[in-house]
């Protein structure tokens, strides 16, 4: 991406997409998730792609909405923008089960990223991986810092991938806990967006800050996302015992209105 090239991102989305695109001098255009449902805006994104579009950056599923695009939609984007680099960020892949990695051989403009920050719980080590065709990797290495990943992070990542059974058990627990959270939210009549990730975006209206602060005072941390989507609070899904604690404290606060 050079000065004044166009980069398309979704809104809301991971903040670093916009940050690094602007650092590179790109003209960033944001396509909003659909109001209300926060569904992936496939038609809107396809309509925004122009000859000047040089990169399209997509989290699948997205944070904080939890919504995503299916593989048919990814194919439509790739075919509509053969001249642009299309990044599918699969940071939450383990919870959604949807991956574009199998499409790499057919689309030279496709890049797929994964991270050890989410399901592996290694965010502080700042390590991930990028998949694309070999010819693209040659270009990427020209811009790669010689100090991009430290040796301790590499050792930790190699150890982590040797224990897939742990990840399978953890993901299974989170998916069960997510269903438990849905039931609890419905009992309280708190609207939410069904998620493909390990978090759920709830719609708490003008009580968002009050609920966030009240839960914090009770030792439960949630994240207010009202600065991106009015009245929304994002709840990270942990284990079922953790979700029961959350729901108990949330019910007590919610019914005090």
Protein backbone atom coordinates (compact mmCIF):
# COMPACT_ATOMS: atom_id res chain seq x y z
CA UNK A 1 0.00 0.00 0.00
CA UNK A 2 1.42 3.37 -1.03
CA UNK A 3 0.42 6.96 -0.37
CA UNK A 4 -3.22 7.65 -1.30
CA UNK A 5 -4.02 4.02 -2.16
CA UNK A 6 -7.44 2.96 -0.93
CA UNK A 7 -7.90 0.45 1.88
CA UNK A 8 -11.35 -0.88 2.81
CA UNK A 9 -12.12 -1.93 6.38
CA UNK A 10 -15.30 -2.69 8.26
CA UNK A 11 -16.75 -0.58 11.07
CA UNK A 12 -16.47 -1.35 13.92
CA UNK A 13 -13.36 -3.48 13.61
CA UNK A 14 -9.94 -4.11 15.12
CA UNK A 15 -8.46 -0.63 15.58
CA UNK A 16 -4.98 -1.51 14.28
CA UNK A 17 -6.24 -2.02 10.73
CA UNK A 18 -7.04 1.66 10.40
CA UNK A 19 -3.97 2.73 12.38
CA UNK A 20 -1.42 0.91 10.22
CA UNK A 21 -3.20 1.73 6.96
CA UNK A 22 -3.06 5.42 7.82
CA UNK A 23 0.59 5.12 8.88
CA UNK A 24 1.25 3.77 5.38
CA UNK A 25 -0.46 6.85 3.91
CA UNK A 26 -3.53 5.01 2.63
CA UNK A 27 -6.98 6.49 2.19
CA UNK A 28 -9.14 4.41 4.51
CA UNK A 29 -12.80 3.83 3.69
CA UNK A 30 -14.99 2.21 6.34
CA UNK A 31 -18.03 0.06 5.57
CA UNK A 32 -20.47 -0.16 8.48
CA UNK A 33 -21.93 -3.40 9.77
CA UNK A 34 -25.67 -3.45 9.23
CA UNK A 35 -27.62 -1.49 11.86
CA UNK A 36 -29.54 -3.53 14.39
CA UNK A 37 -28.38 -7.03 13.44
CA UNK A 38 -24.72 -6.04 12.92
CA UNK A 39 -24.67 -8.60 10.10
CA UNK A 40 -21.69 -8.63 7.73
CA UNK A 41 -22.36 -6.02 4.98
CA UNK A 42 -21.40 -8.16 2.01
CA UNK A 43 -23.33 -6.30 -0.67
CA UNK A 44 -22.19 -2.94 0.66
CA UNK A 45 -18.56 -4.06 0.66
CA UNK A 46 -18.77 -5.49 -2.84
CA UNK A 47 -20.26 -2.21 -4.04
CA UNK A 48 -17.43 -0.22 -2.45
CA UNK A 49 -14.61 -2.07 -4.24
CA UNK A 50 -13.01 0.08 -6.95
CA UNK A 51 -9.95 -0.19 -9.22
CA UNK A 52 -8.16 2.05 -6.71
CA UNK A 53 -8.78 -0.42 -3.85
CA UNK A 54 -5.43 -1.97 -2.92
CA UNK A 55 -6.33 -3.84 0.29
CA UNK A 56 -9.41 -5.16 2.08
CA UNK A 57 -9.01 -6.07 5.76
CA UNK A 58 -11.63 -8.32 7.36
CA UNK A 59 -11.89 -9.97 10.78
CA UNK A 60 -13.84 -13.20 10.48
CA UNK A 61 -15.55 -13.39 12.90
CA UNK A 62 -15.41 -9.74 13.80
CA UNK A 63 -14.60 -8.17 17.15
CA UNK A 64 -16.69 -6.72 18.80
CA UNK A 65 -19.81 -7.72 16.84
CA UNK A 66 -19.16 -11.48 16.81
CA UNK A 67 -20.66 -11.70 13.33
CA UNK A 68 -18.88 -13.00 10.25
CA UNK A 69 -18.99 -13.81 6.56
CA UNK A 70 -19.29 -17.32 5.13
CA UNK A 71 -16.83 -18.77 2.61
CA UNK A 72 -19.12 -18.06 -0.35
CA UNK A 73 -18.99 -14.41 0.65
CA UNK A 74 -15.18 -14.51 0.89
CA UNK A 75 -15.02 -15.96 -2.64
CA UNK A 76 -17.23 -13.16 -3.96
CA UNK A 77 -14.92 -10.56 -2.40
CA UNK A 78 -11.80 -12.23 -3.81
CA UNK A 79 -13.28 -12.40 -7.30
CA UNK A 80 -14.53 -8.83 -7.15
CA UNK A 81 -11.08 -7.52 -6.11
CA UNK A 82 -8.40 -9.61 -7.89
CA UNK A 83 -6.20 -6.49 -7.94
CA UNK A 84 -6.31 -6.04 -4.15
CA UNK A 85 -4.78 -7.88 -1.20
CA UNK A 86 -7.61 -9.43 0.82
CA UNK A 87 -6.75 -10.22 4.44
CA UNK A 88 -9.02 -12.57 6.37
CA UNK A 89 -8.06 -12.27 10.03
CA UNK A 90 -9.06 -15.52 11.72
CA UNK A 91 -8.11 -14.59 15.28
CA UNK A 92 -11.25 -16.32 16.57
CA UNK A 93 -11.27 -19.21 14.10
CA UNK A 94 -11.31 -21.94 16.75
CA UNK A 95 -14.68 -20.70 18.01
CA UNK A 96 -16.31 -20.25 14.59
CA UNK A 97 -14.86 -23.18 12.64
CA UNK A 98 -14.85 -21.10 9.43
CA UNK A 99 -11.51 -20.78 7.65
CA UNK A 100 -10.37 -19.58 4.25
CA UNK A 101 -7.02 -21.40 4.42
CA UNK A 102 -8.23 -24.09 2.02
CA UNK A 103 -8.75 -21.42 -0.66
CA UNK A 104 -5.16 -20.11 -0.70
CA UNK A 105 -4.02 -22.16 -3.70
CA UNK A 106 -6.82 -20.72 -5.87
CA UNK A 107 -6.52 -17.02 -4.97
CA UNK A 108 -3.13 -15.29 -5.14
CA UNK A 109 -4.60 -12.15 -3.54
CA UNK A 110 -5.69 -13.98 -0.38
CA UNK A 111 -3.94 -13.64 2.99
CA UNK A 112 -5.11 -15.46 6.12
CA UNK A 113 -3.83 -14.56 9.59
CA UNK A 114 -4.03 -16.44 12.87
CA UNK A 115 -2.90 -15.48 16.37
CA UNK A 116 -1.82 -17.13 19.60
CA UNK A 117 -3.42 -14.27 21.56
CA UNK A 118 -6.96 -15.67 21.81
CA UNK A 119 -7.63 -19.39 22.25
CA UNK A 120 -4.01 -20.02 23.31
CA UNK A 121 -4.05 -17.18 25.87
CA UNK A 122 -0.61 -15.88 24.85
CA UNK A 123 -1.45 -12.25 24.02
CA UNK A 124 1.57 -10.80 25.85
CA UNK A 125 3.96 -12.77 23.61
CA UNK A 126 2.67 -10.99 20.46
CA UNK A 127 2.98 -13.92 18.09
CA UNK A 128 0.86 -15.09 15.18
CA UNK A 129 1.22 -16.42 11.65
CA UNK A 130 0.26 -15.39 8.14
CA UNK A 131 -0.67 -17.77 5.32
CA UNK A 132 -0.52 -16.87 1.64
CA UNK A 133 1.06 -18.04 -1.61
CA UNK A 134 4.85 -18.36 -1.74
CA UNK A 135 5.29 -15.47 -4.18
CA UNK A 136 3.58 -13.12 -1.72
CA UNK A 137 5.81 -14.29 1.12
CA UNK A 138 8.90 -13.25 -0.85
CA UNK A 139 7.56 -9.69 -0.95
CA UNK A 140 6.56 -9.74 2.70
CA UNK A 141 10.05 -10.75 3.80
CA UNK A 142 11.46 -7.61 2.19
CA UNK A 143 9.49 -5.51 4.67
CA UNK A 144 9.84 -7.82 7.67
CA UNK A 145 11.75 -6.57 10.68
CA UNK A 146 14.69 -8.80 11.70
CA UNK A 147 13.34 -8.51 15.25
CA UNK A 148 9.70 -9.27 14.50
CA UNK A 149 9.27 -12.27 16.85
CA UNK A 150 11.32 -13.04 19.95
CA UNK A 151 12.71 -16.53 20.58
CA UNK A 152 10.73 -17.11 23.79
CA UNK A 153 7.48 -16.47 21.91
CA UNK A 154 8.50 -18.94 19.21
CA UNK A 155 9.31 -21.62 21.81
CA UNK A 156 5.99 -21.03 23.55
CA UNK A 157 4.05 -21.24 20.28
CA UNK A 158 5.76 -24.50 19.32
CA UNK A 159 4.89 -25.98 22.70
CA UNK A 160 1.28 -24.76 22.48
CA UNK A 161 0.49 -26.42 19.15
CA UNK A 162 1.67 -29.77 20.50
CA UNK A 163 -1.37 -29.97 22.78
CA UNK A 164 -4.44 -29.80 20.51
CA UNK A 165 -6.52 -31.78 23.03
CA UNK A 166 -6.29 -28.91 25.50
CA UNK A 167 -7.55 -26.47 22.87
CA UNK A 168 -10.41 -28.79 21.92
CA UNK A 169 -11.49 -29.09 25.56
CA UNK A 170 -11.22 -25.36 26.13
CA UNK A 171 -13.19 -24.46 23.00
CA UNK A 172 -15.89 -26.98 23.93
CA UNK A 173 -16.19 -25.40 27.38
CA UNK A 174 -16.41 -21.89 25.94
CA UNK A 175 -19.10 -22.86 23.42
CA UNK A 176 -21.15 -24.47 26.20
CA UNK A 177 -20.64 -21.38 28.37
CA UNK A 178 -21.73 -19.14 25.50
CA UNK A 179 -25.04 -20.99 25.27
CA UNK A 180 -25.45 -20.62 29.04
CA UNK A 181 -24.88 -16.88 28.68
CA UNK A 182 -27.50 -16.64 25.92
CA UNK A 183 -30.07 -18.30 28.18
CA UNK A 184 -29.25 -15.97 31.06
CA UNK A 185 -29.48 -12.85 28.91
CA UNK A 186 -32.82 -13.96 27.48
CA UNK A 187 -34.13 -14.53 31.01
CA UNK A 188 -33.26 -10.90 31.80
CA UNK A 189 -34.63 -9.63 28.46
CA UNK A 190 -31.24 -8.16 27.56
CA UNK A 191 -30.84 -8.06 23.76
CA UNK A 192 -27.64 -9.51 22.33
CA UNK A 193 -25.99 -10.40 19.04
CA UNK A 194 -25.37 -14.11 18.45
CA UNK A 195 -21.64 -14.56 18.27
CA UNK A 196 -19.18 -16.74 16.38
CA UNK A 197 -16.41 -15.79 18.83
CA UNK A 198 -15.62 -16.21 22.53
CA UNK A 199 -17.51 -13.04 23.45
CA UNK A 200 -21.06 -11.73 23.19
CA UNK A 201 -22.08 -8.16 22.43
CA UNK A 202 -25.05 -7.12 24.57
CA UNK A 203 -27.31 -4.12 24.11
CA UNK A 204 -27.81 -2.41 27.47
CA UNK A 205 -28.84 1.02 26.24
CA UNK A 206 -28.30 3.97 28.54
CA UNK A 207 -27.35 1.61 31.39
CA UNK A 208 -24.18 0.38 29.68
CA UNK A 209 -21.72 2.38 31.81
CA UNK A 210 -23.72 1.76 34.98
CA UNK A 211 -23.69 -2.00 34.42
CA UNK A 212 -20.01 -2.07 33.49
CA UNK A 213 -19.06 -0.15 36.63
CA UNK A 214 -21.40 -2.14 38.84
CA UNK A 215 -19.97 -5.45 37.66
CA UNK A 216 -16.44 -4.15 38.13
CA UNK A 217 -17.23 -3.26 41.74
CA UNK A 218 -18.30 -6.89 42.19
CA UNK A 219 -15.11 -8.28 40.67
CA UNK A 220 -16.49 -9.01 37.18
CA UNK A 221 -14.90 -7.23 34.23
CA UNK A 222 -16.78 -6.53 31.01
CA UNK A 223 -16.00 -4.00 28.29
CA UNK A 224 -18.14 -1.03 27.35
CA UNK A 225 -18.23 -0.57 23.55
CA UNK A 226 -20.58 2.41 23.50
CA UNK A 227 -17.89 4.49 21.82
CA UNK A 228 -18.35 2.25 18.75
CA UNK A 229 -21.94 1.02 19.08
CA UNK A 230 -24.21 3.03 21.35
CA UNK A 231 -25.31 1.23 24.51
CA UNK A 232 -23.34 -1.95 23.88
CA UNK A 233 -21.31 -3.96 26.39
CA UNK A 234 -19.09 -6.87 25.32
CA UNK A 235 -18.88 -9.90 27.58
CA UNK A 236 -15.97 -12.30 27.16
CA UNK A 237 -17.10 -15.91 27.51
CA UNK A 238 -15.07 -17.95 29.99
CA UNK A 239 -16.05 -21.20 31.68
CA UNK A 240 -19.56 -22.15 32.76
CA UNK A 241 -18.80 -21.47 36.45
CA UNK A 242 -17.52 -18.01 35.48
CA UNK A 243 -20.65 -17.30 33.44
CA UNK A 244 -22.85 -18.33 36.37
CA UNK A 245 -21.06 -15.80 38.57
CA UNK A 246 -21.47 -13.12 35.91
CA UNK A 247 -25.17 -13.84 35.44
CA UNK A 248 -25.85 -13.83 39.19
CA UNK A 249 -24.26 -10.39 39.60
CA UNK A 250 -25.78 -9.06 36.37
CA UNK A 251 -29.27 -10.17 37.39
CA UNK A 252 -28.95 -8.39 40.73
CA UNK A 253 -27.84 -5.16 39.03
CA UNK A 254 -30.28 -5.35 36.13
CA UNK A 255 -33.35 -5.85 38.29
CA UNK A 256 -32.53 -2.77 40.36
CA UNK A 257 -33.55 -0.42 37.57
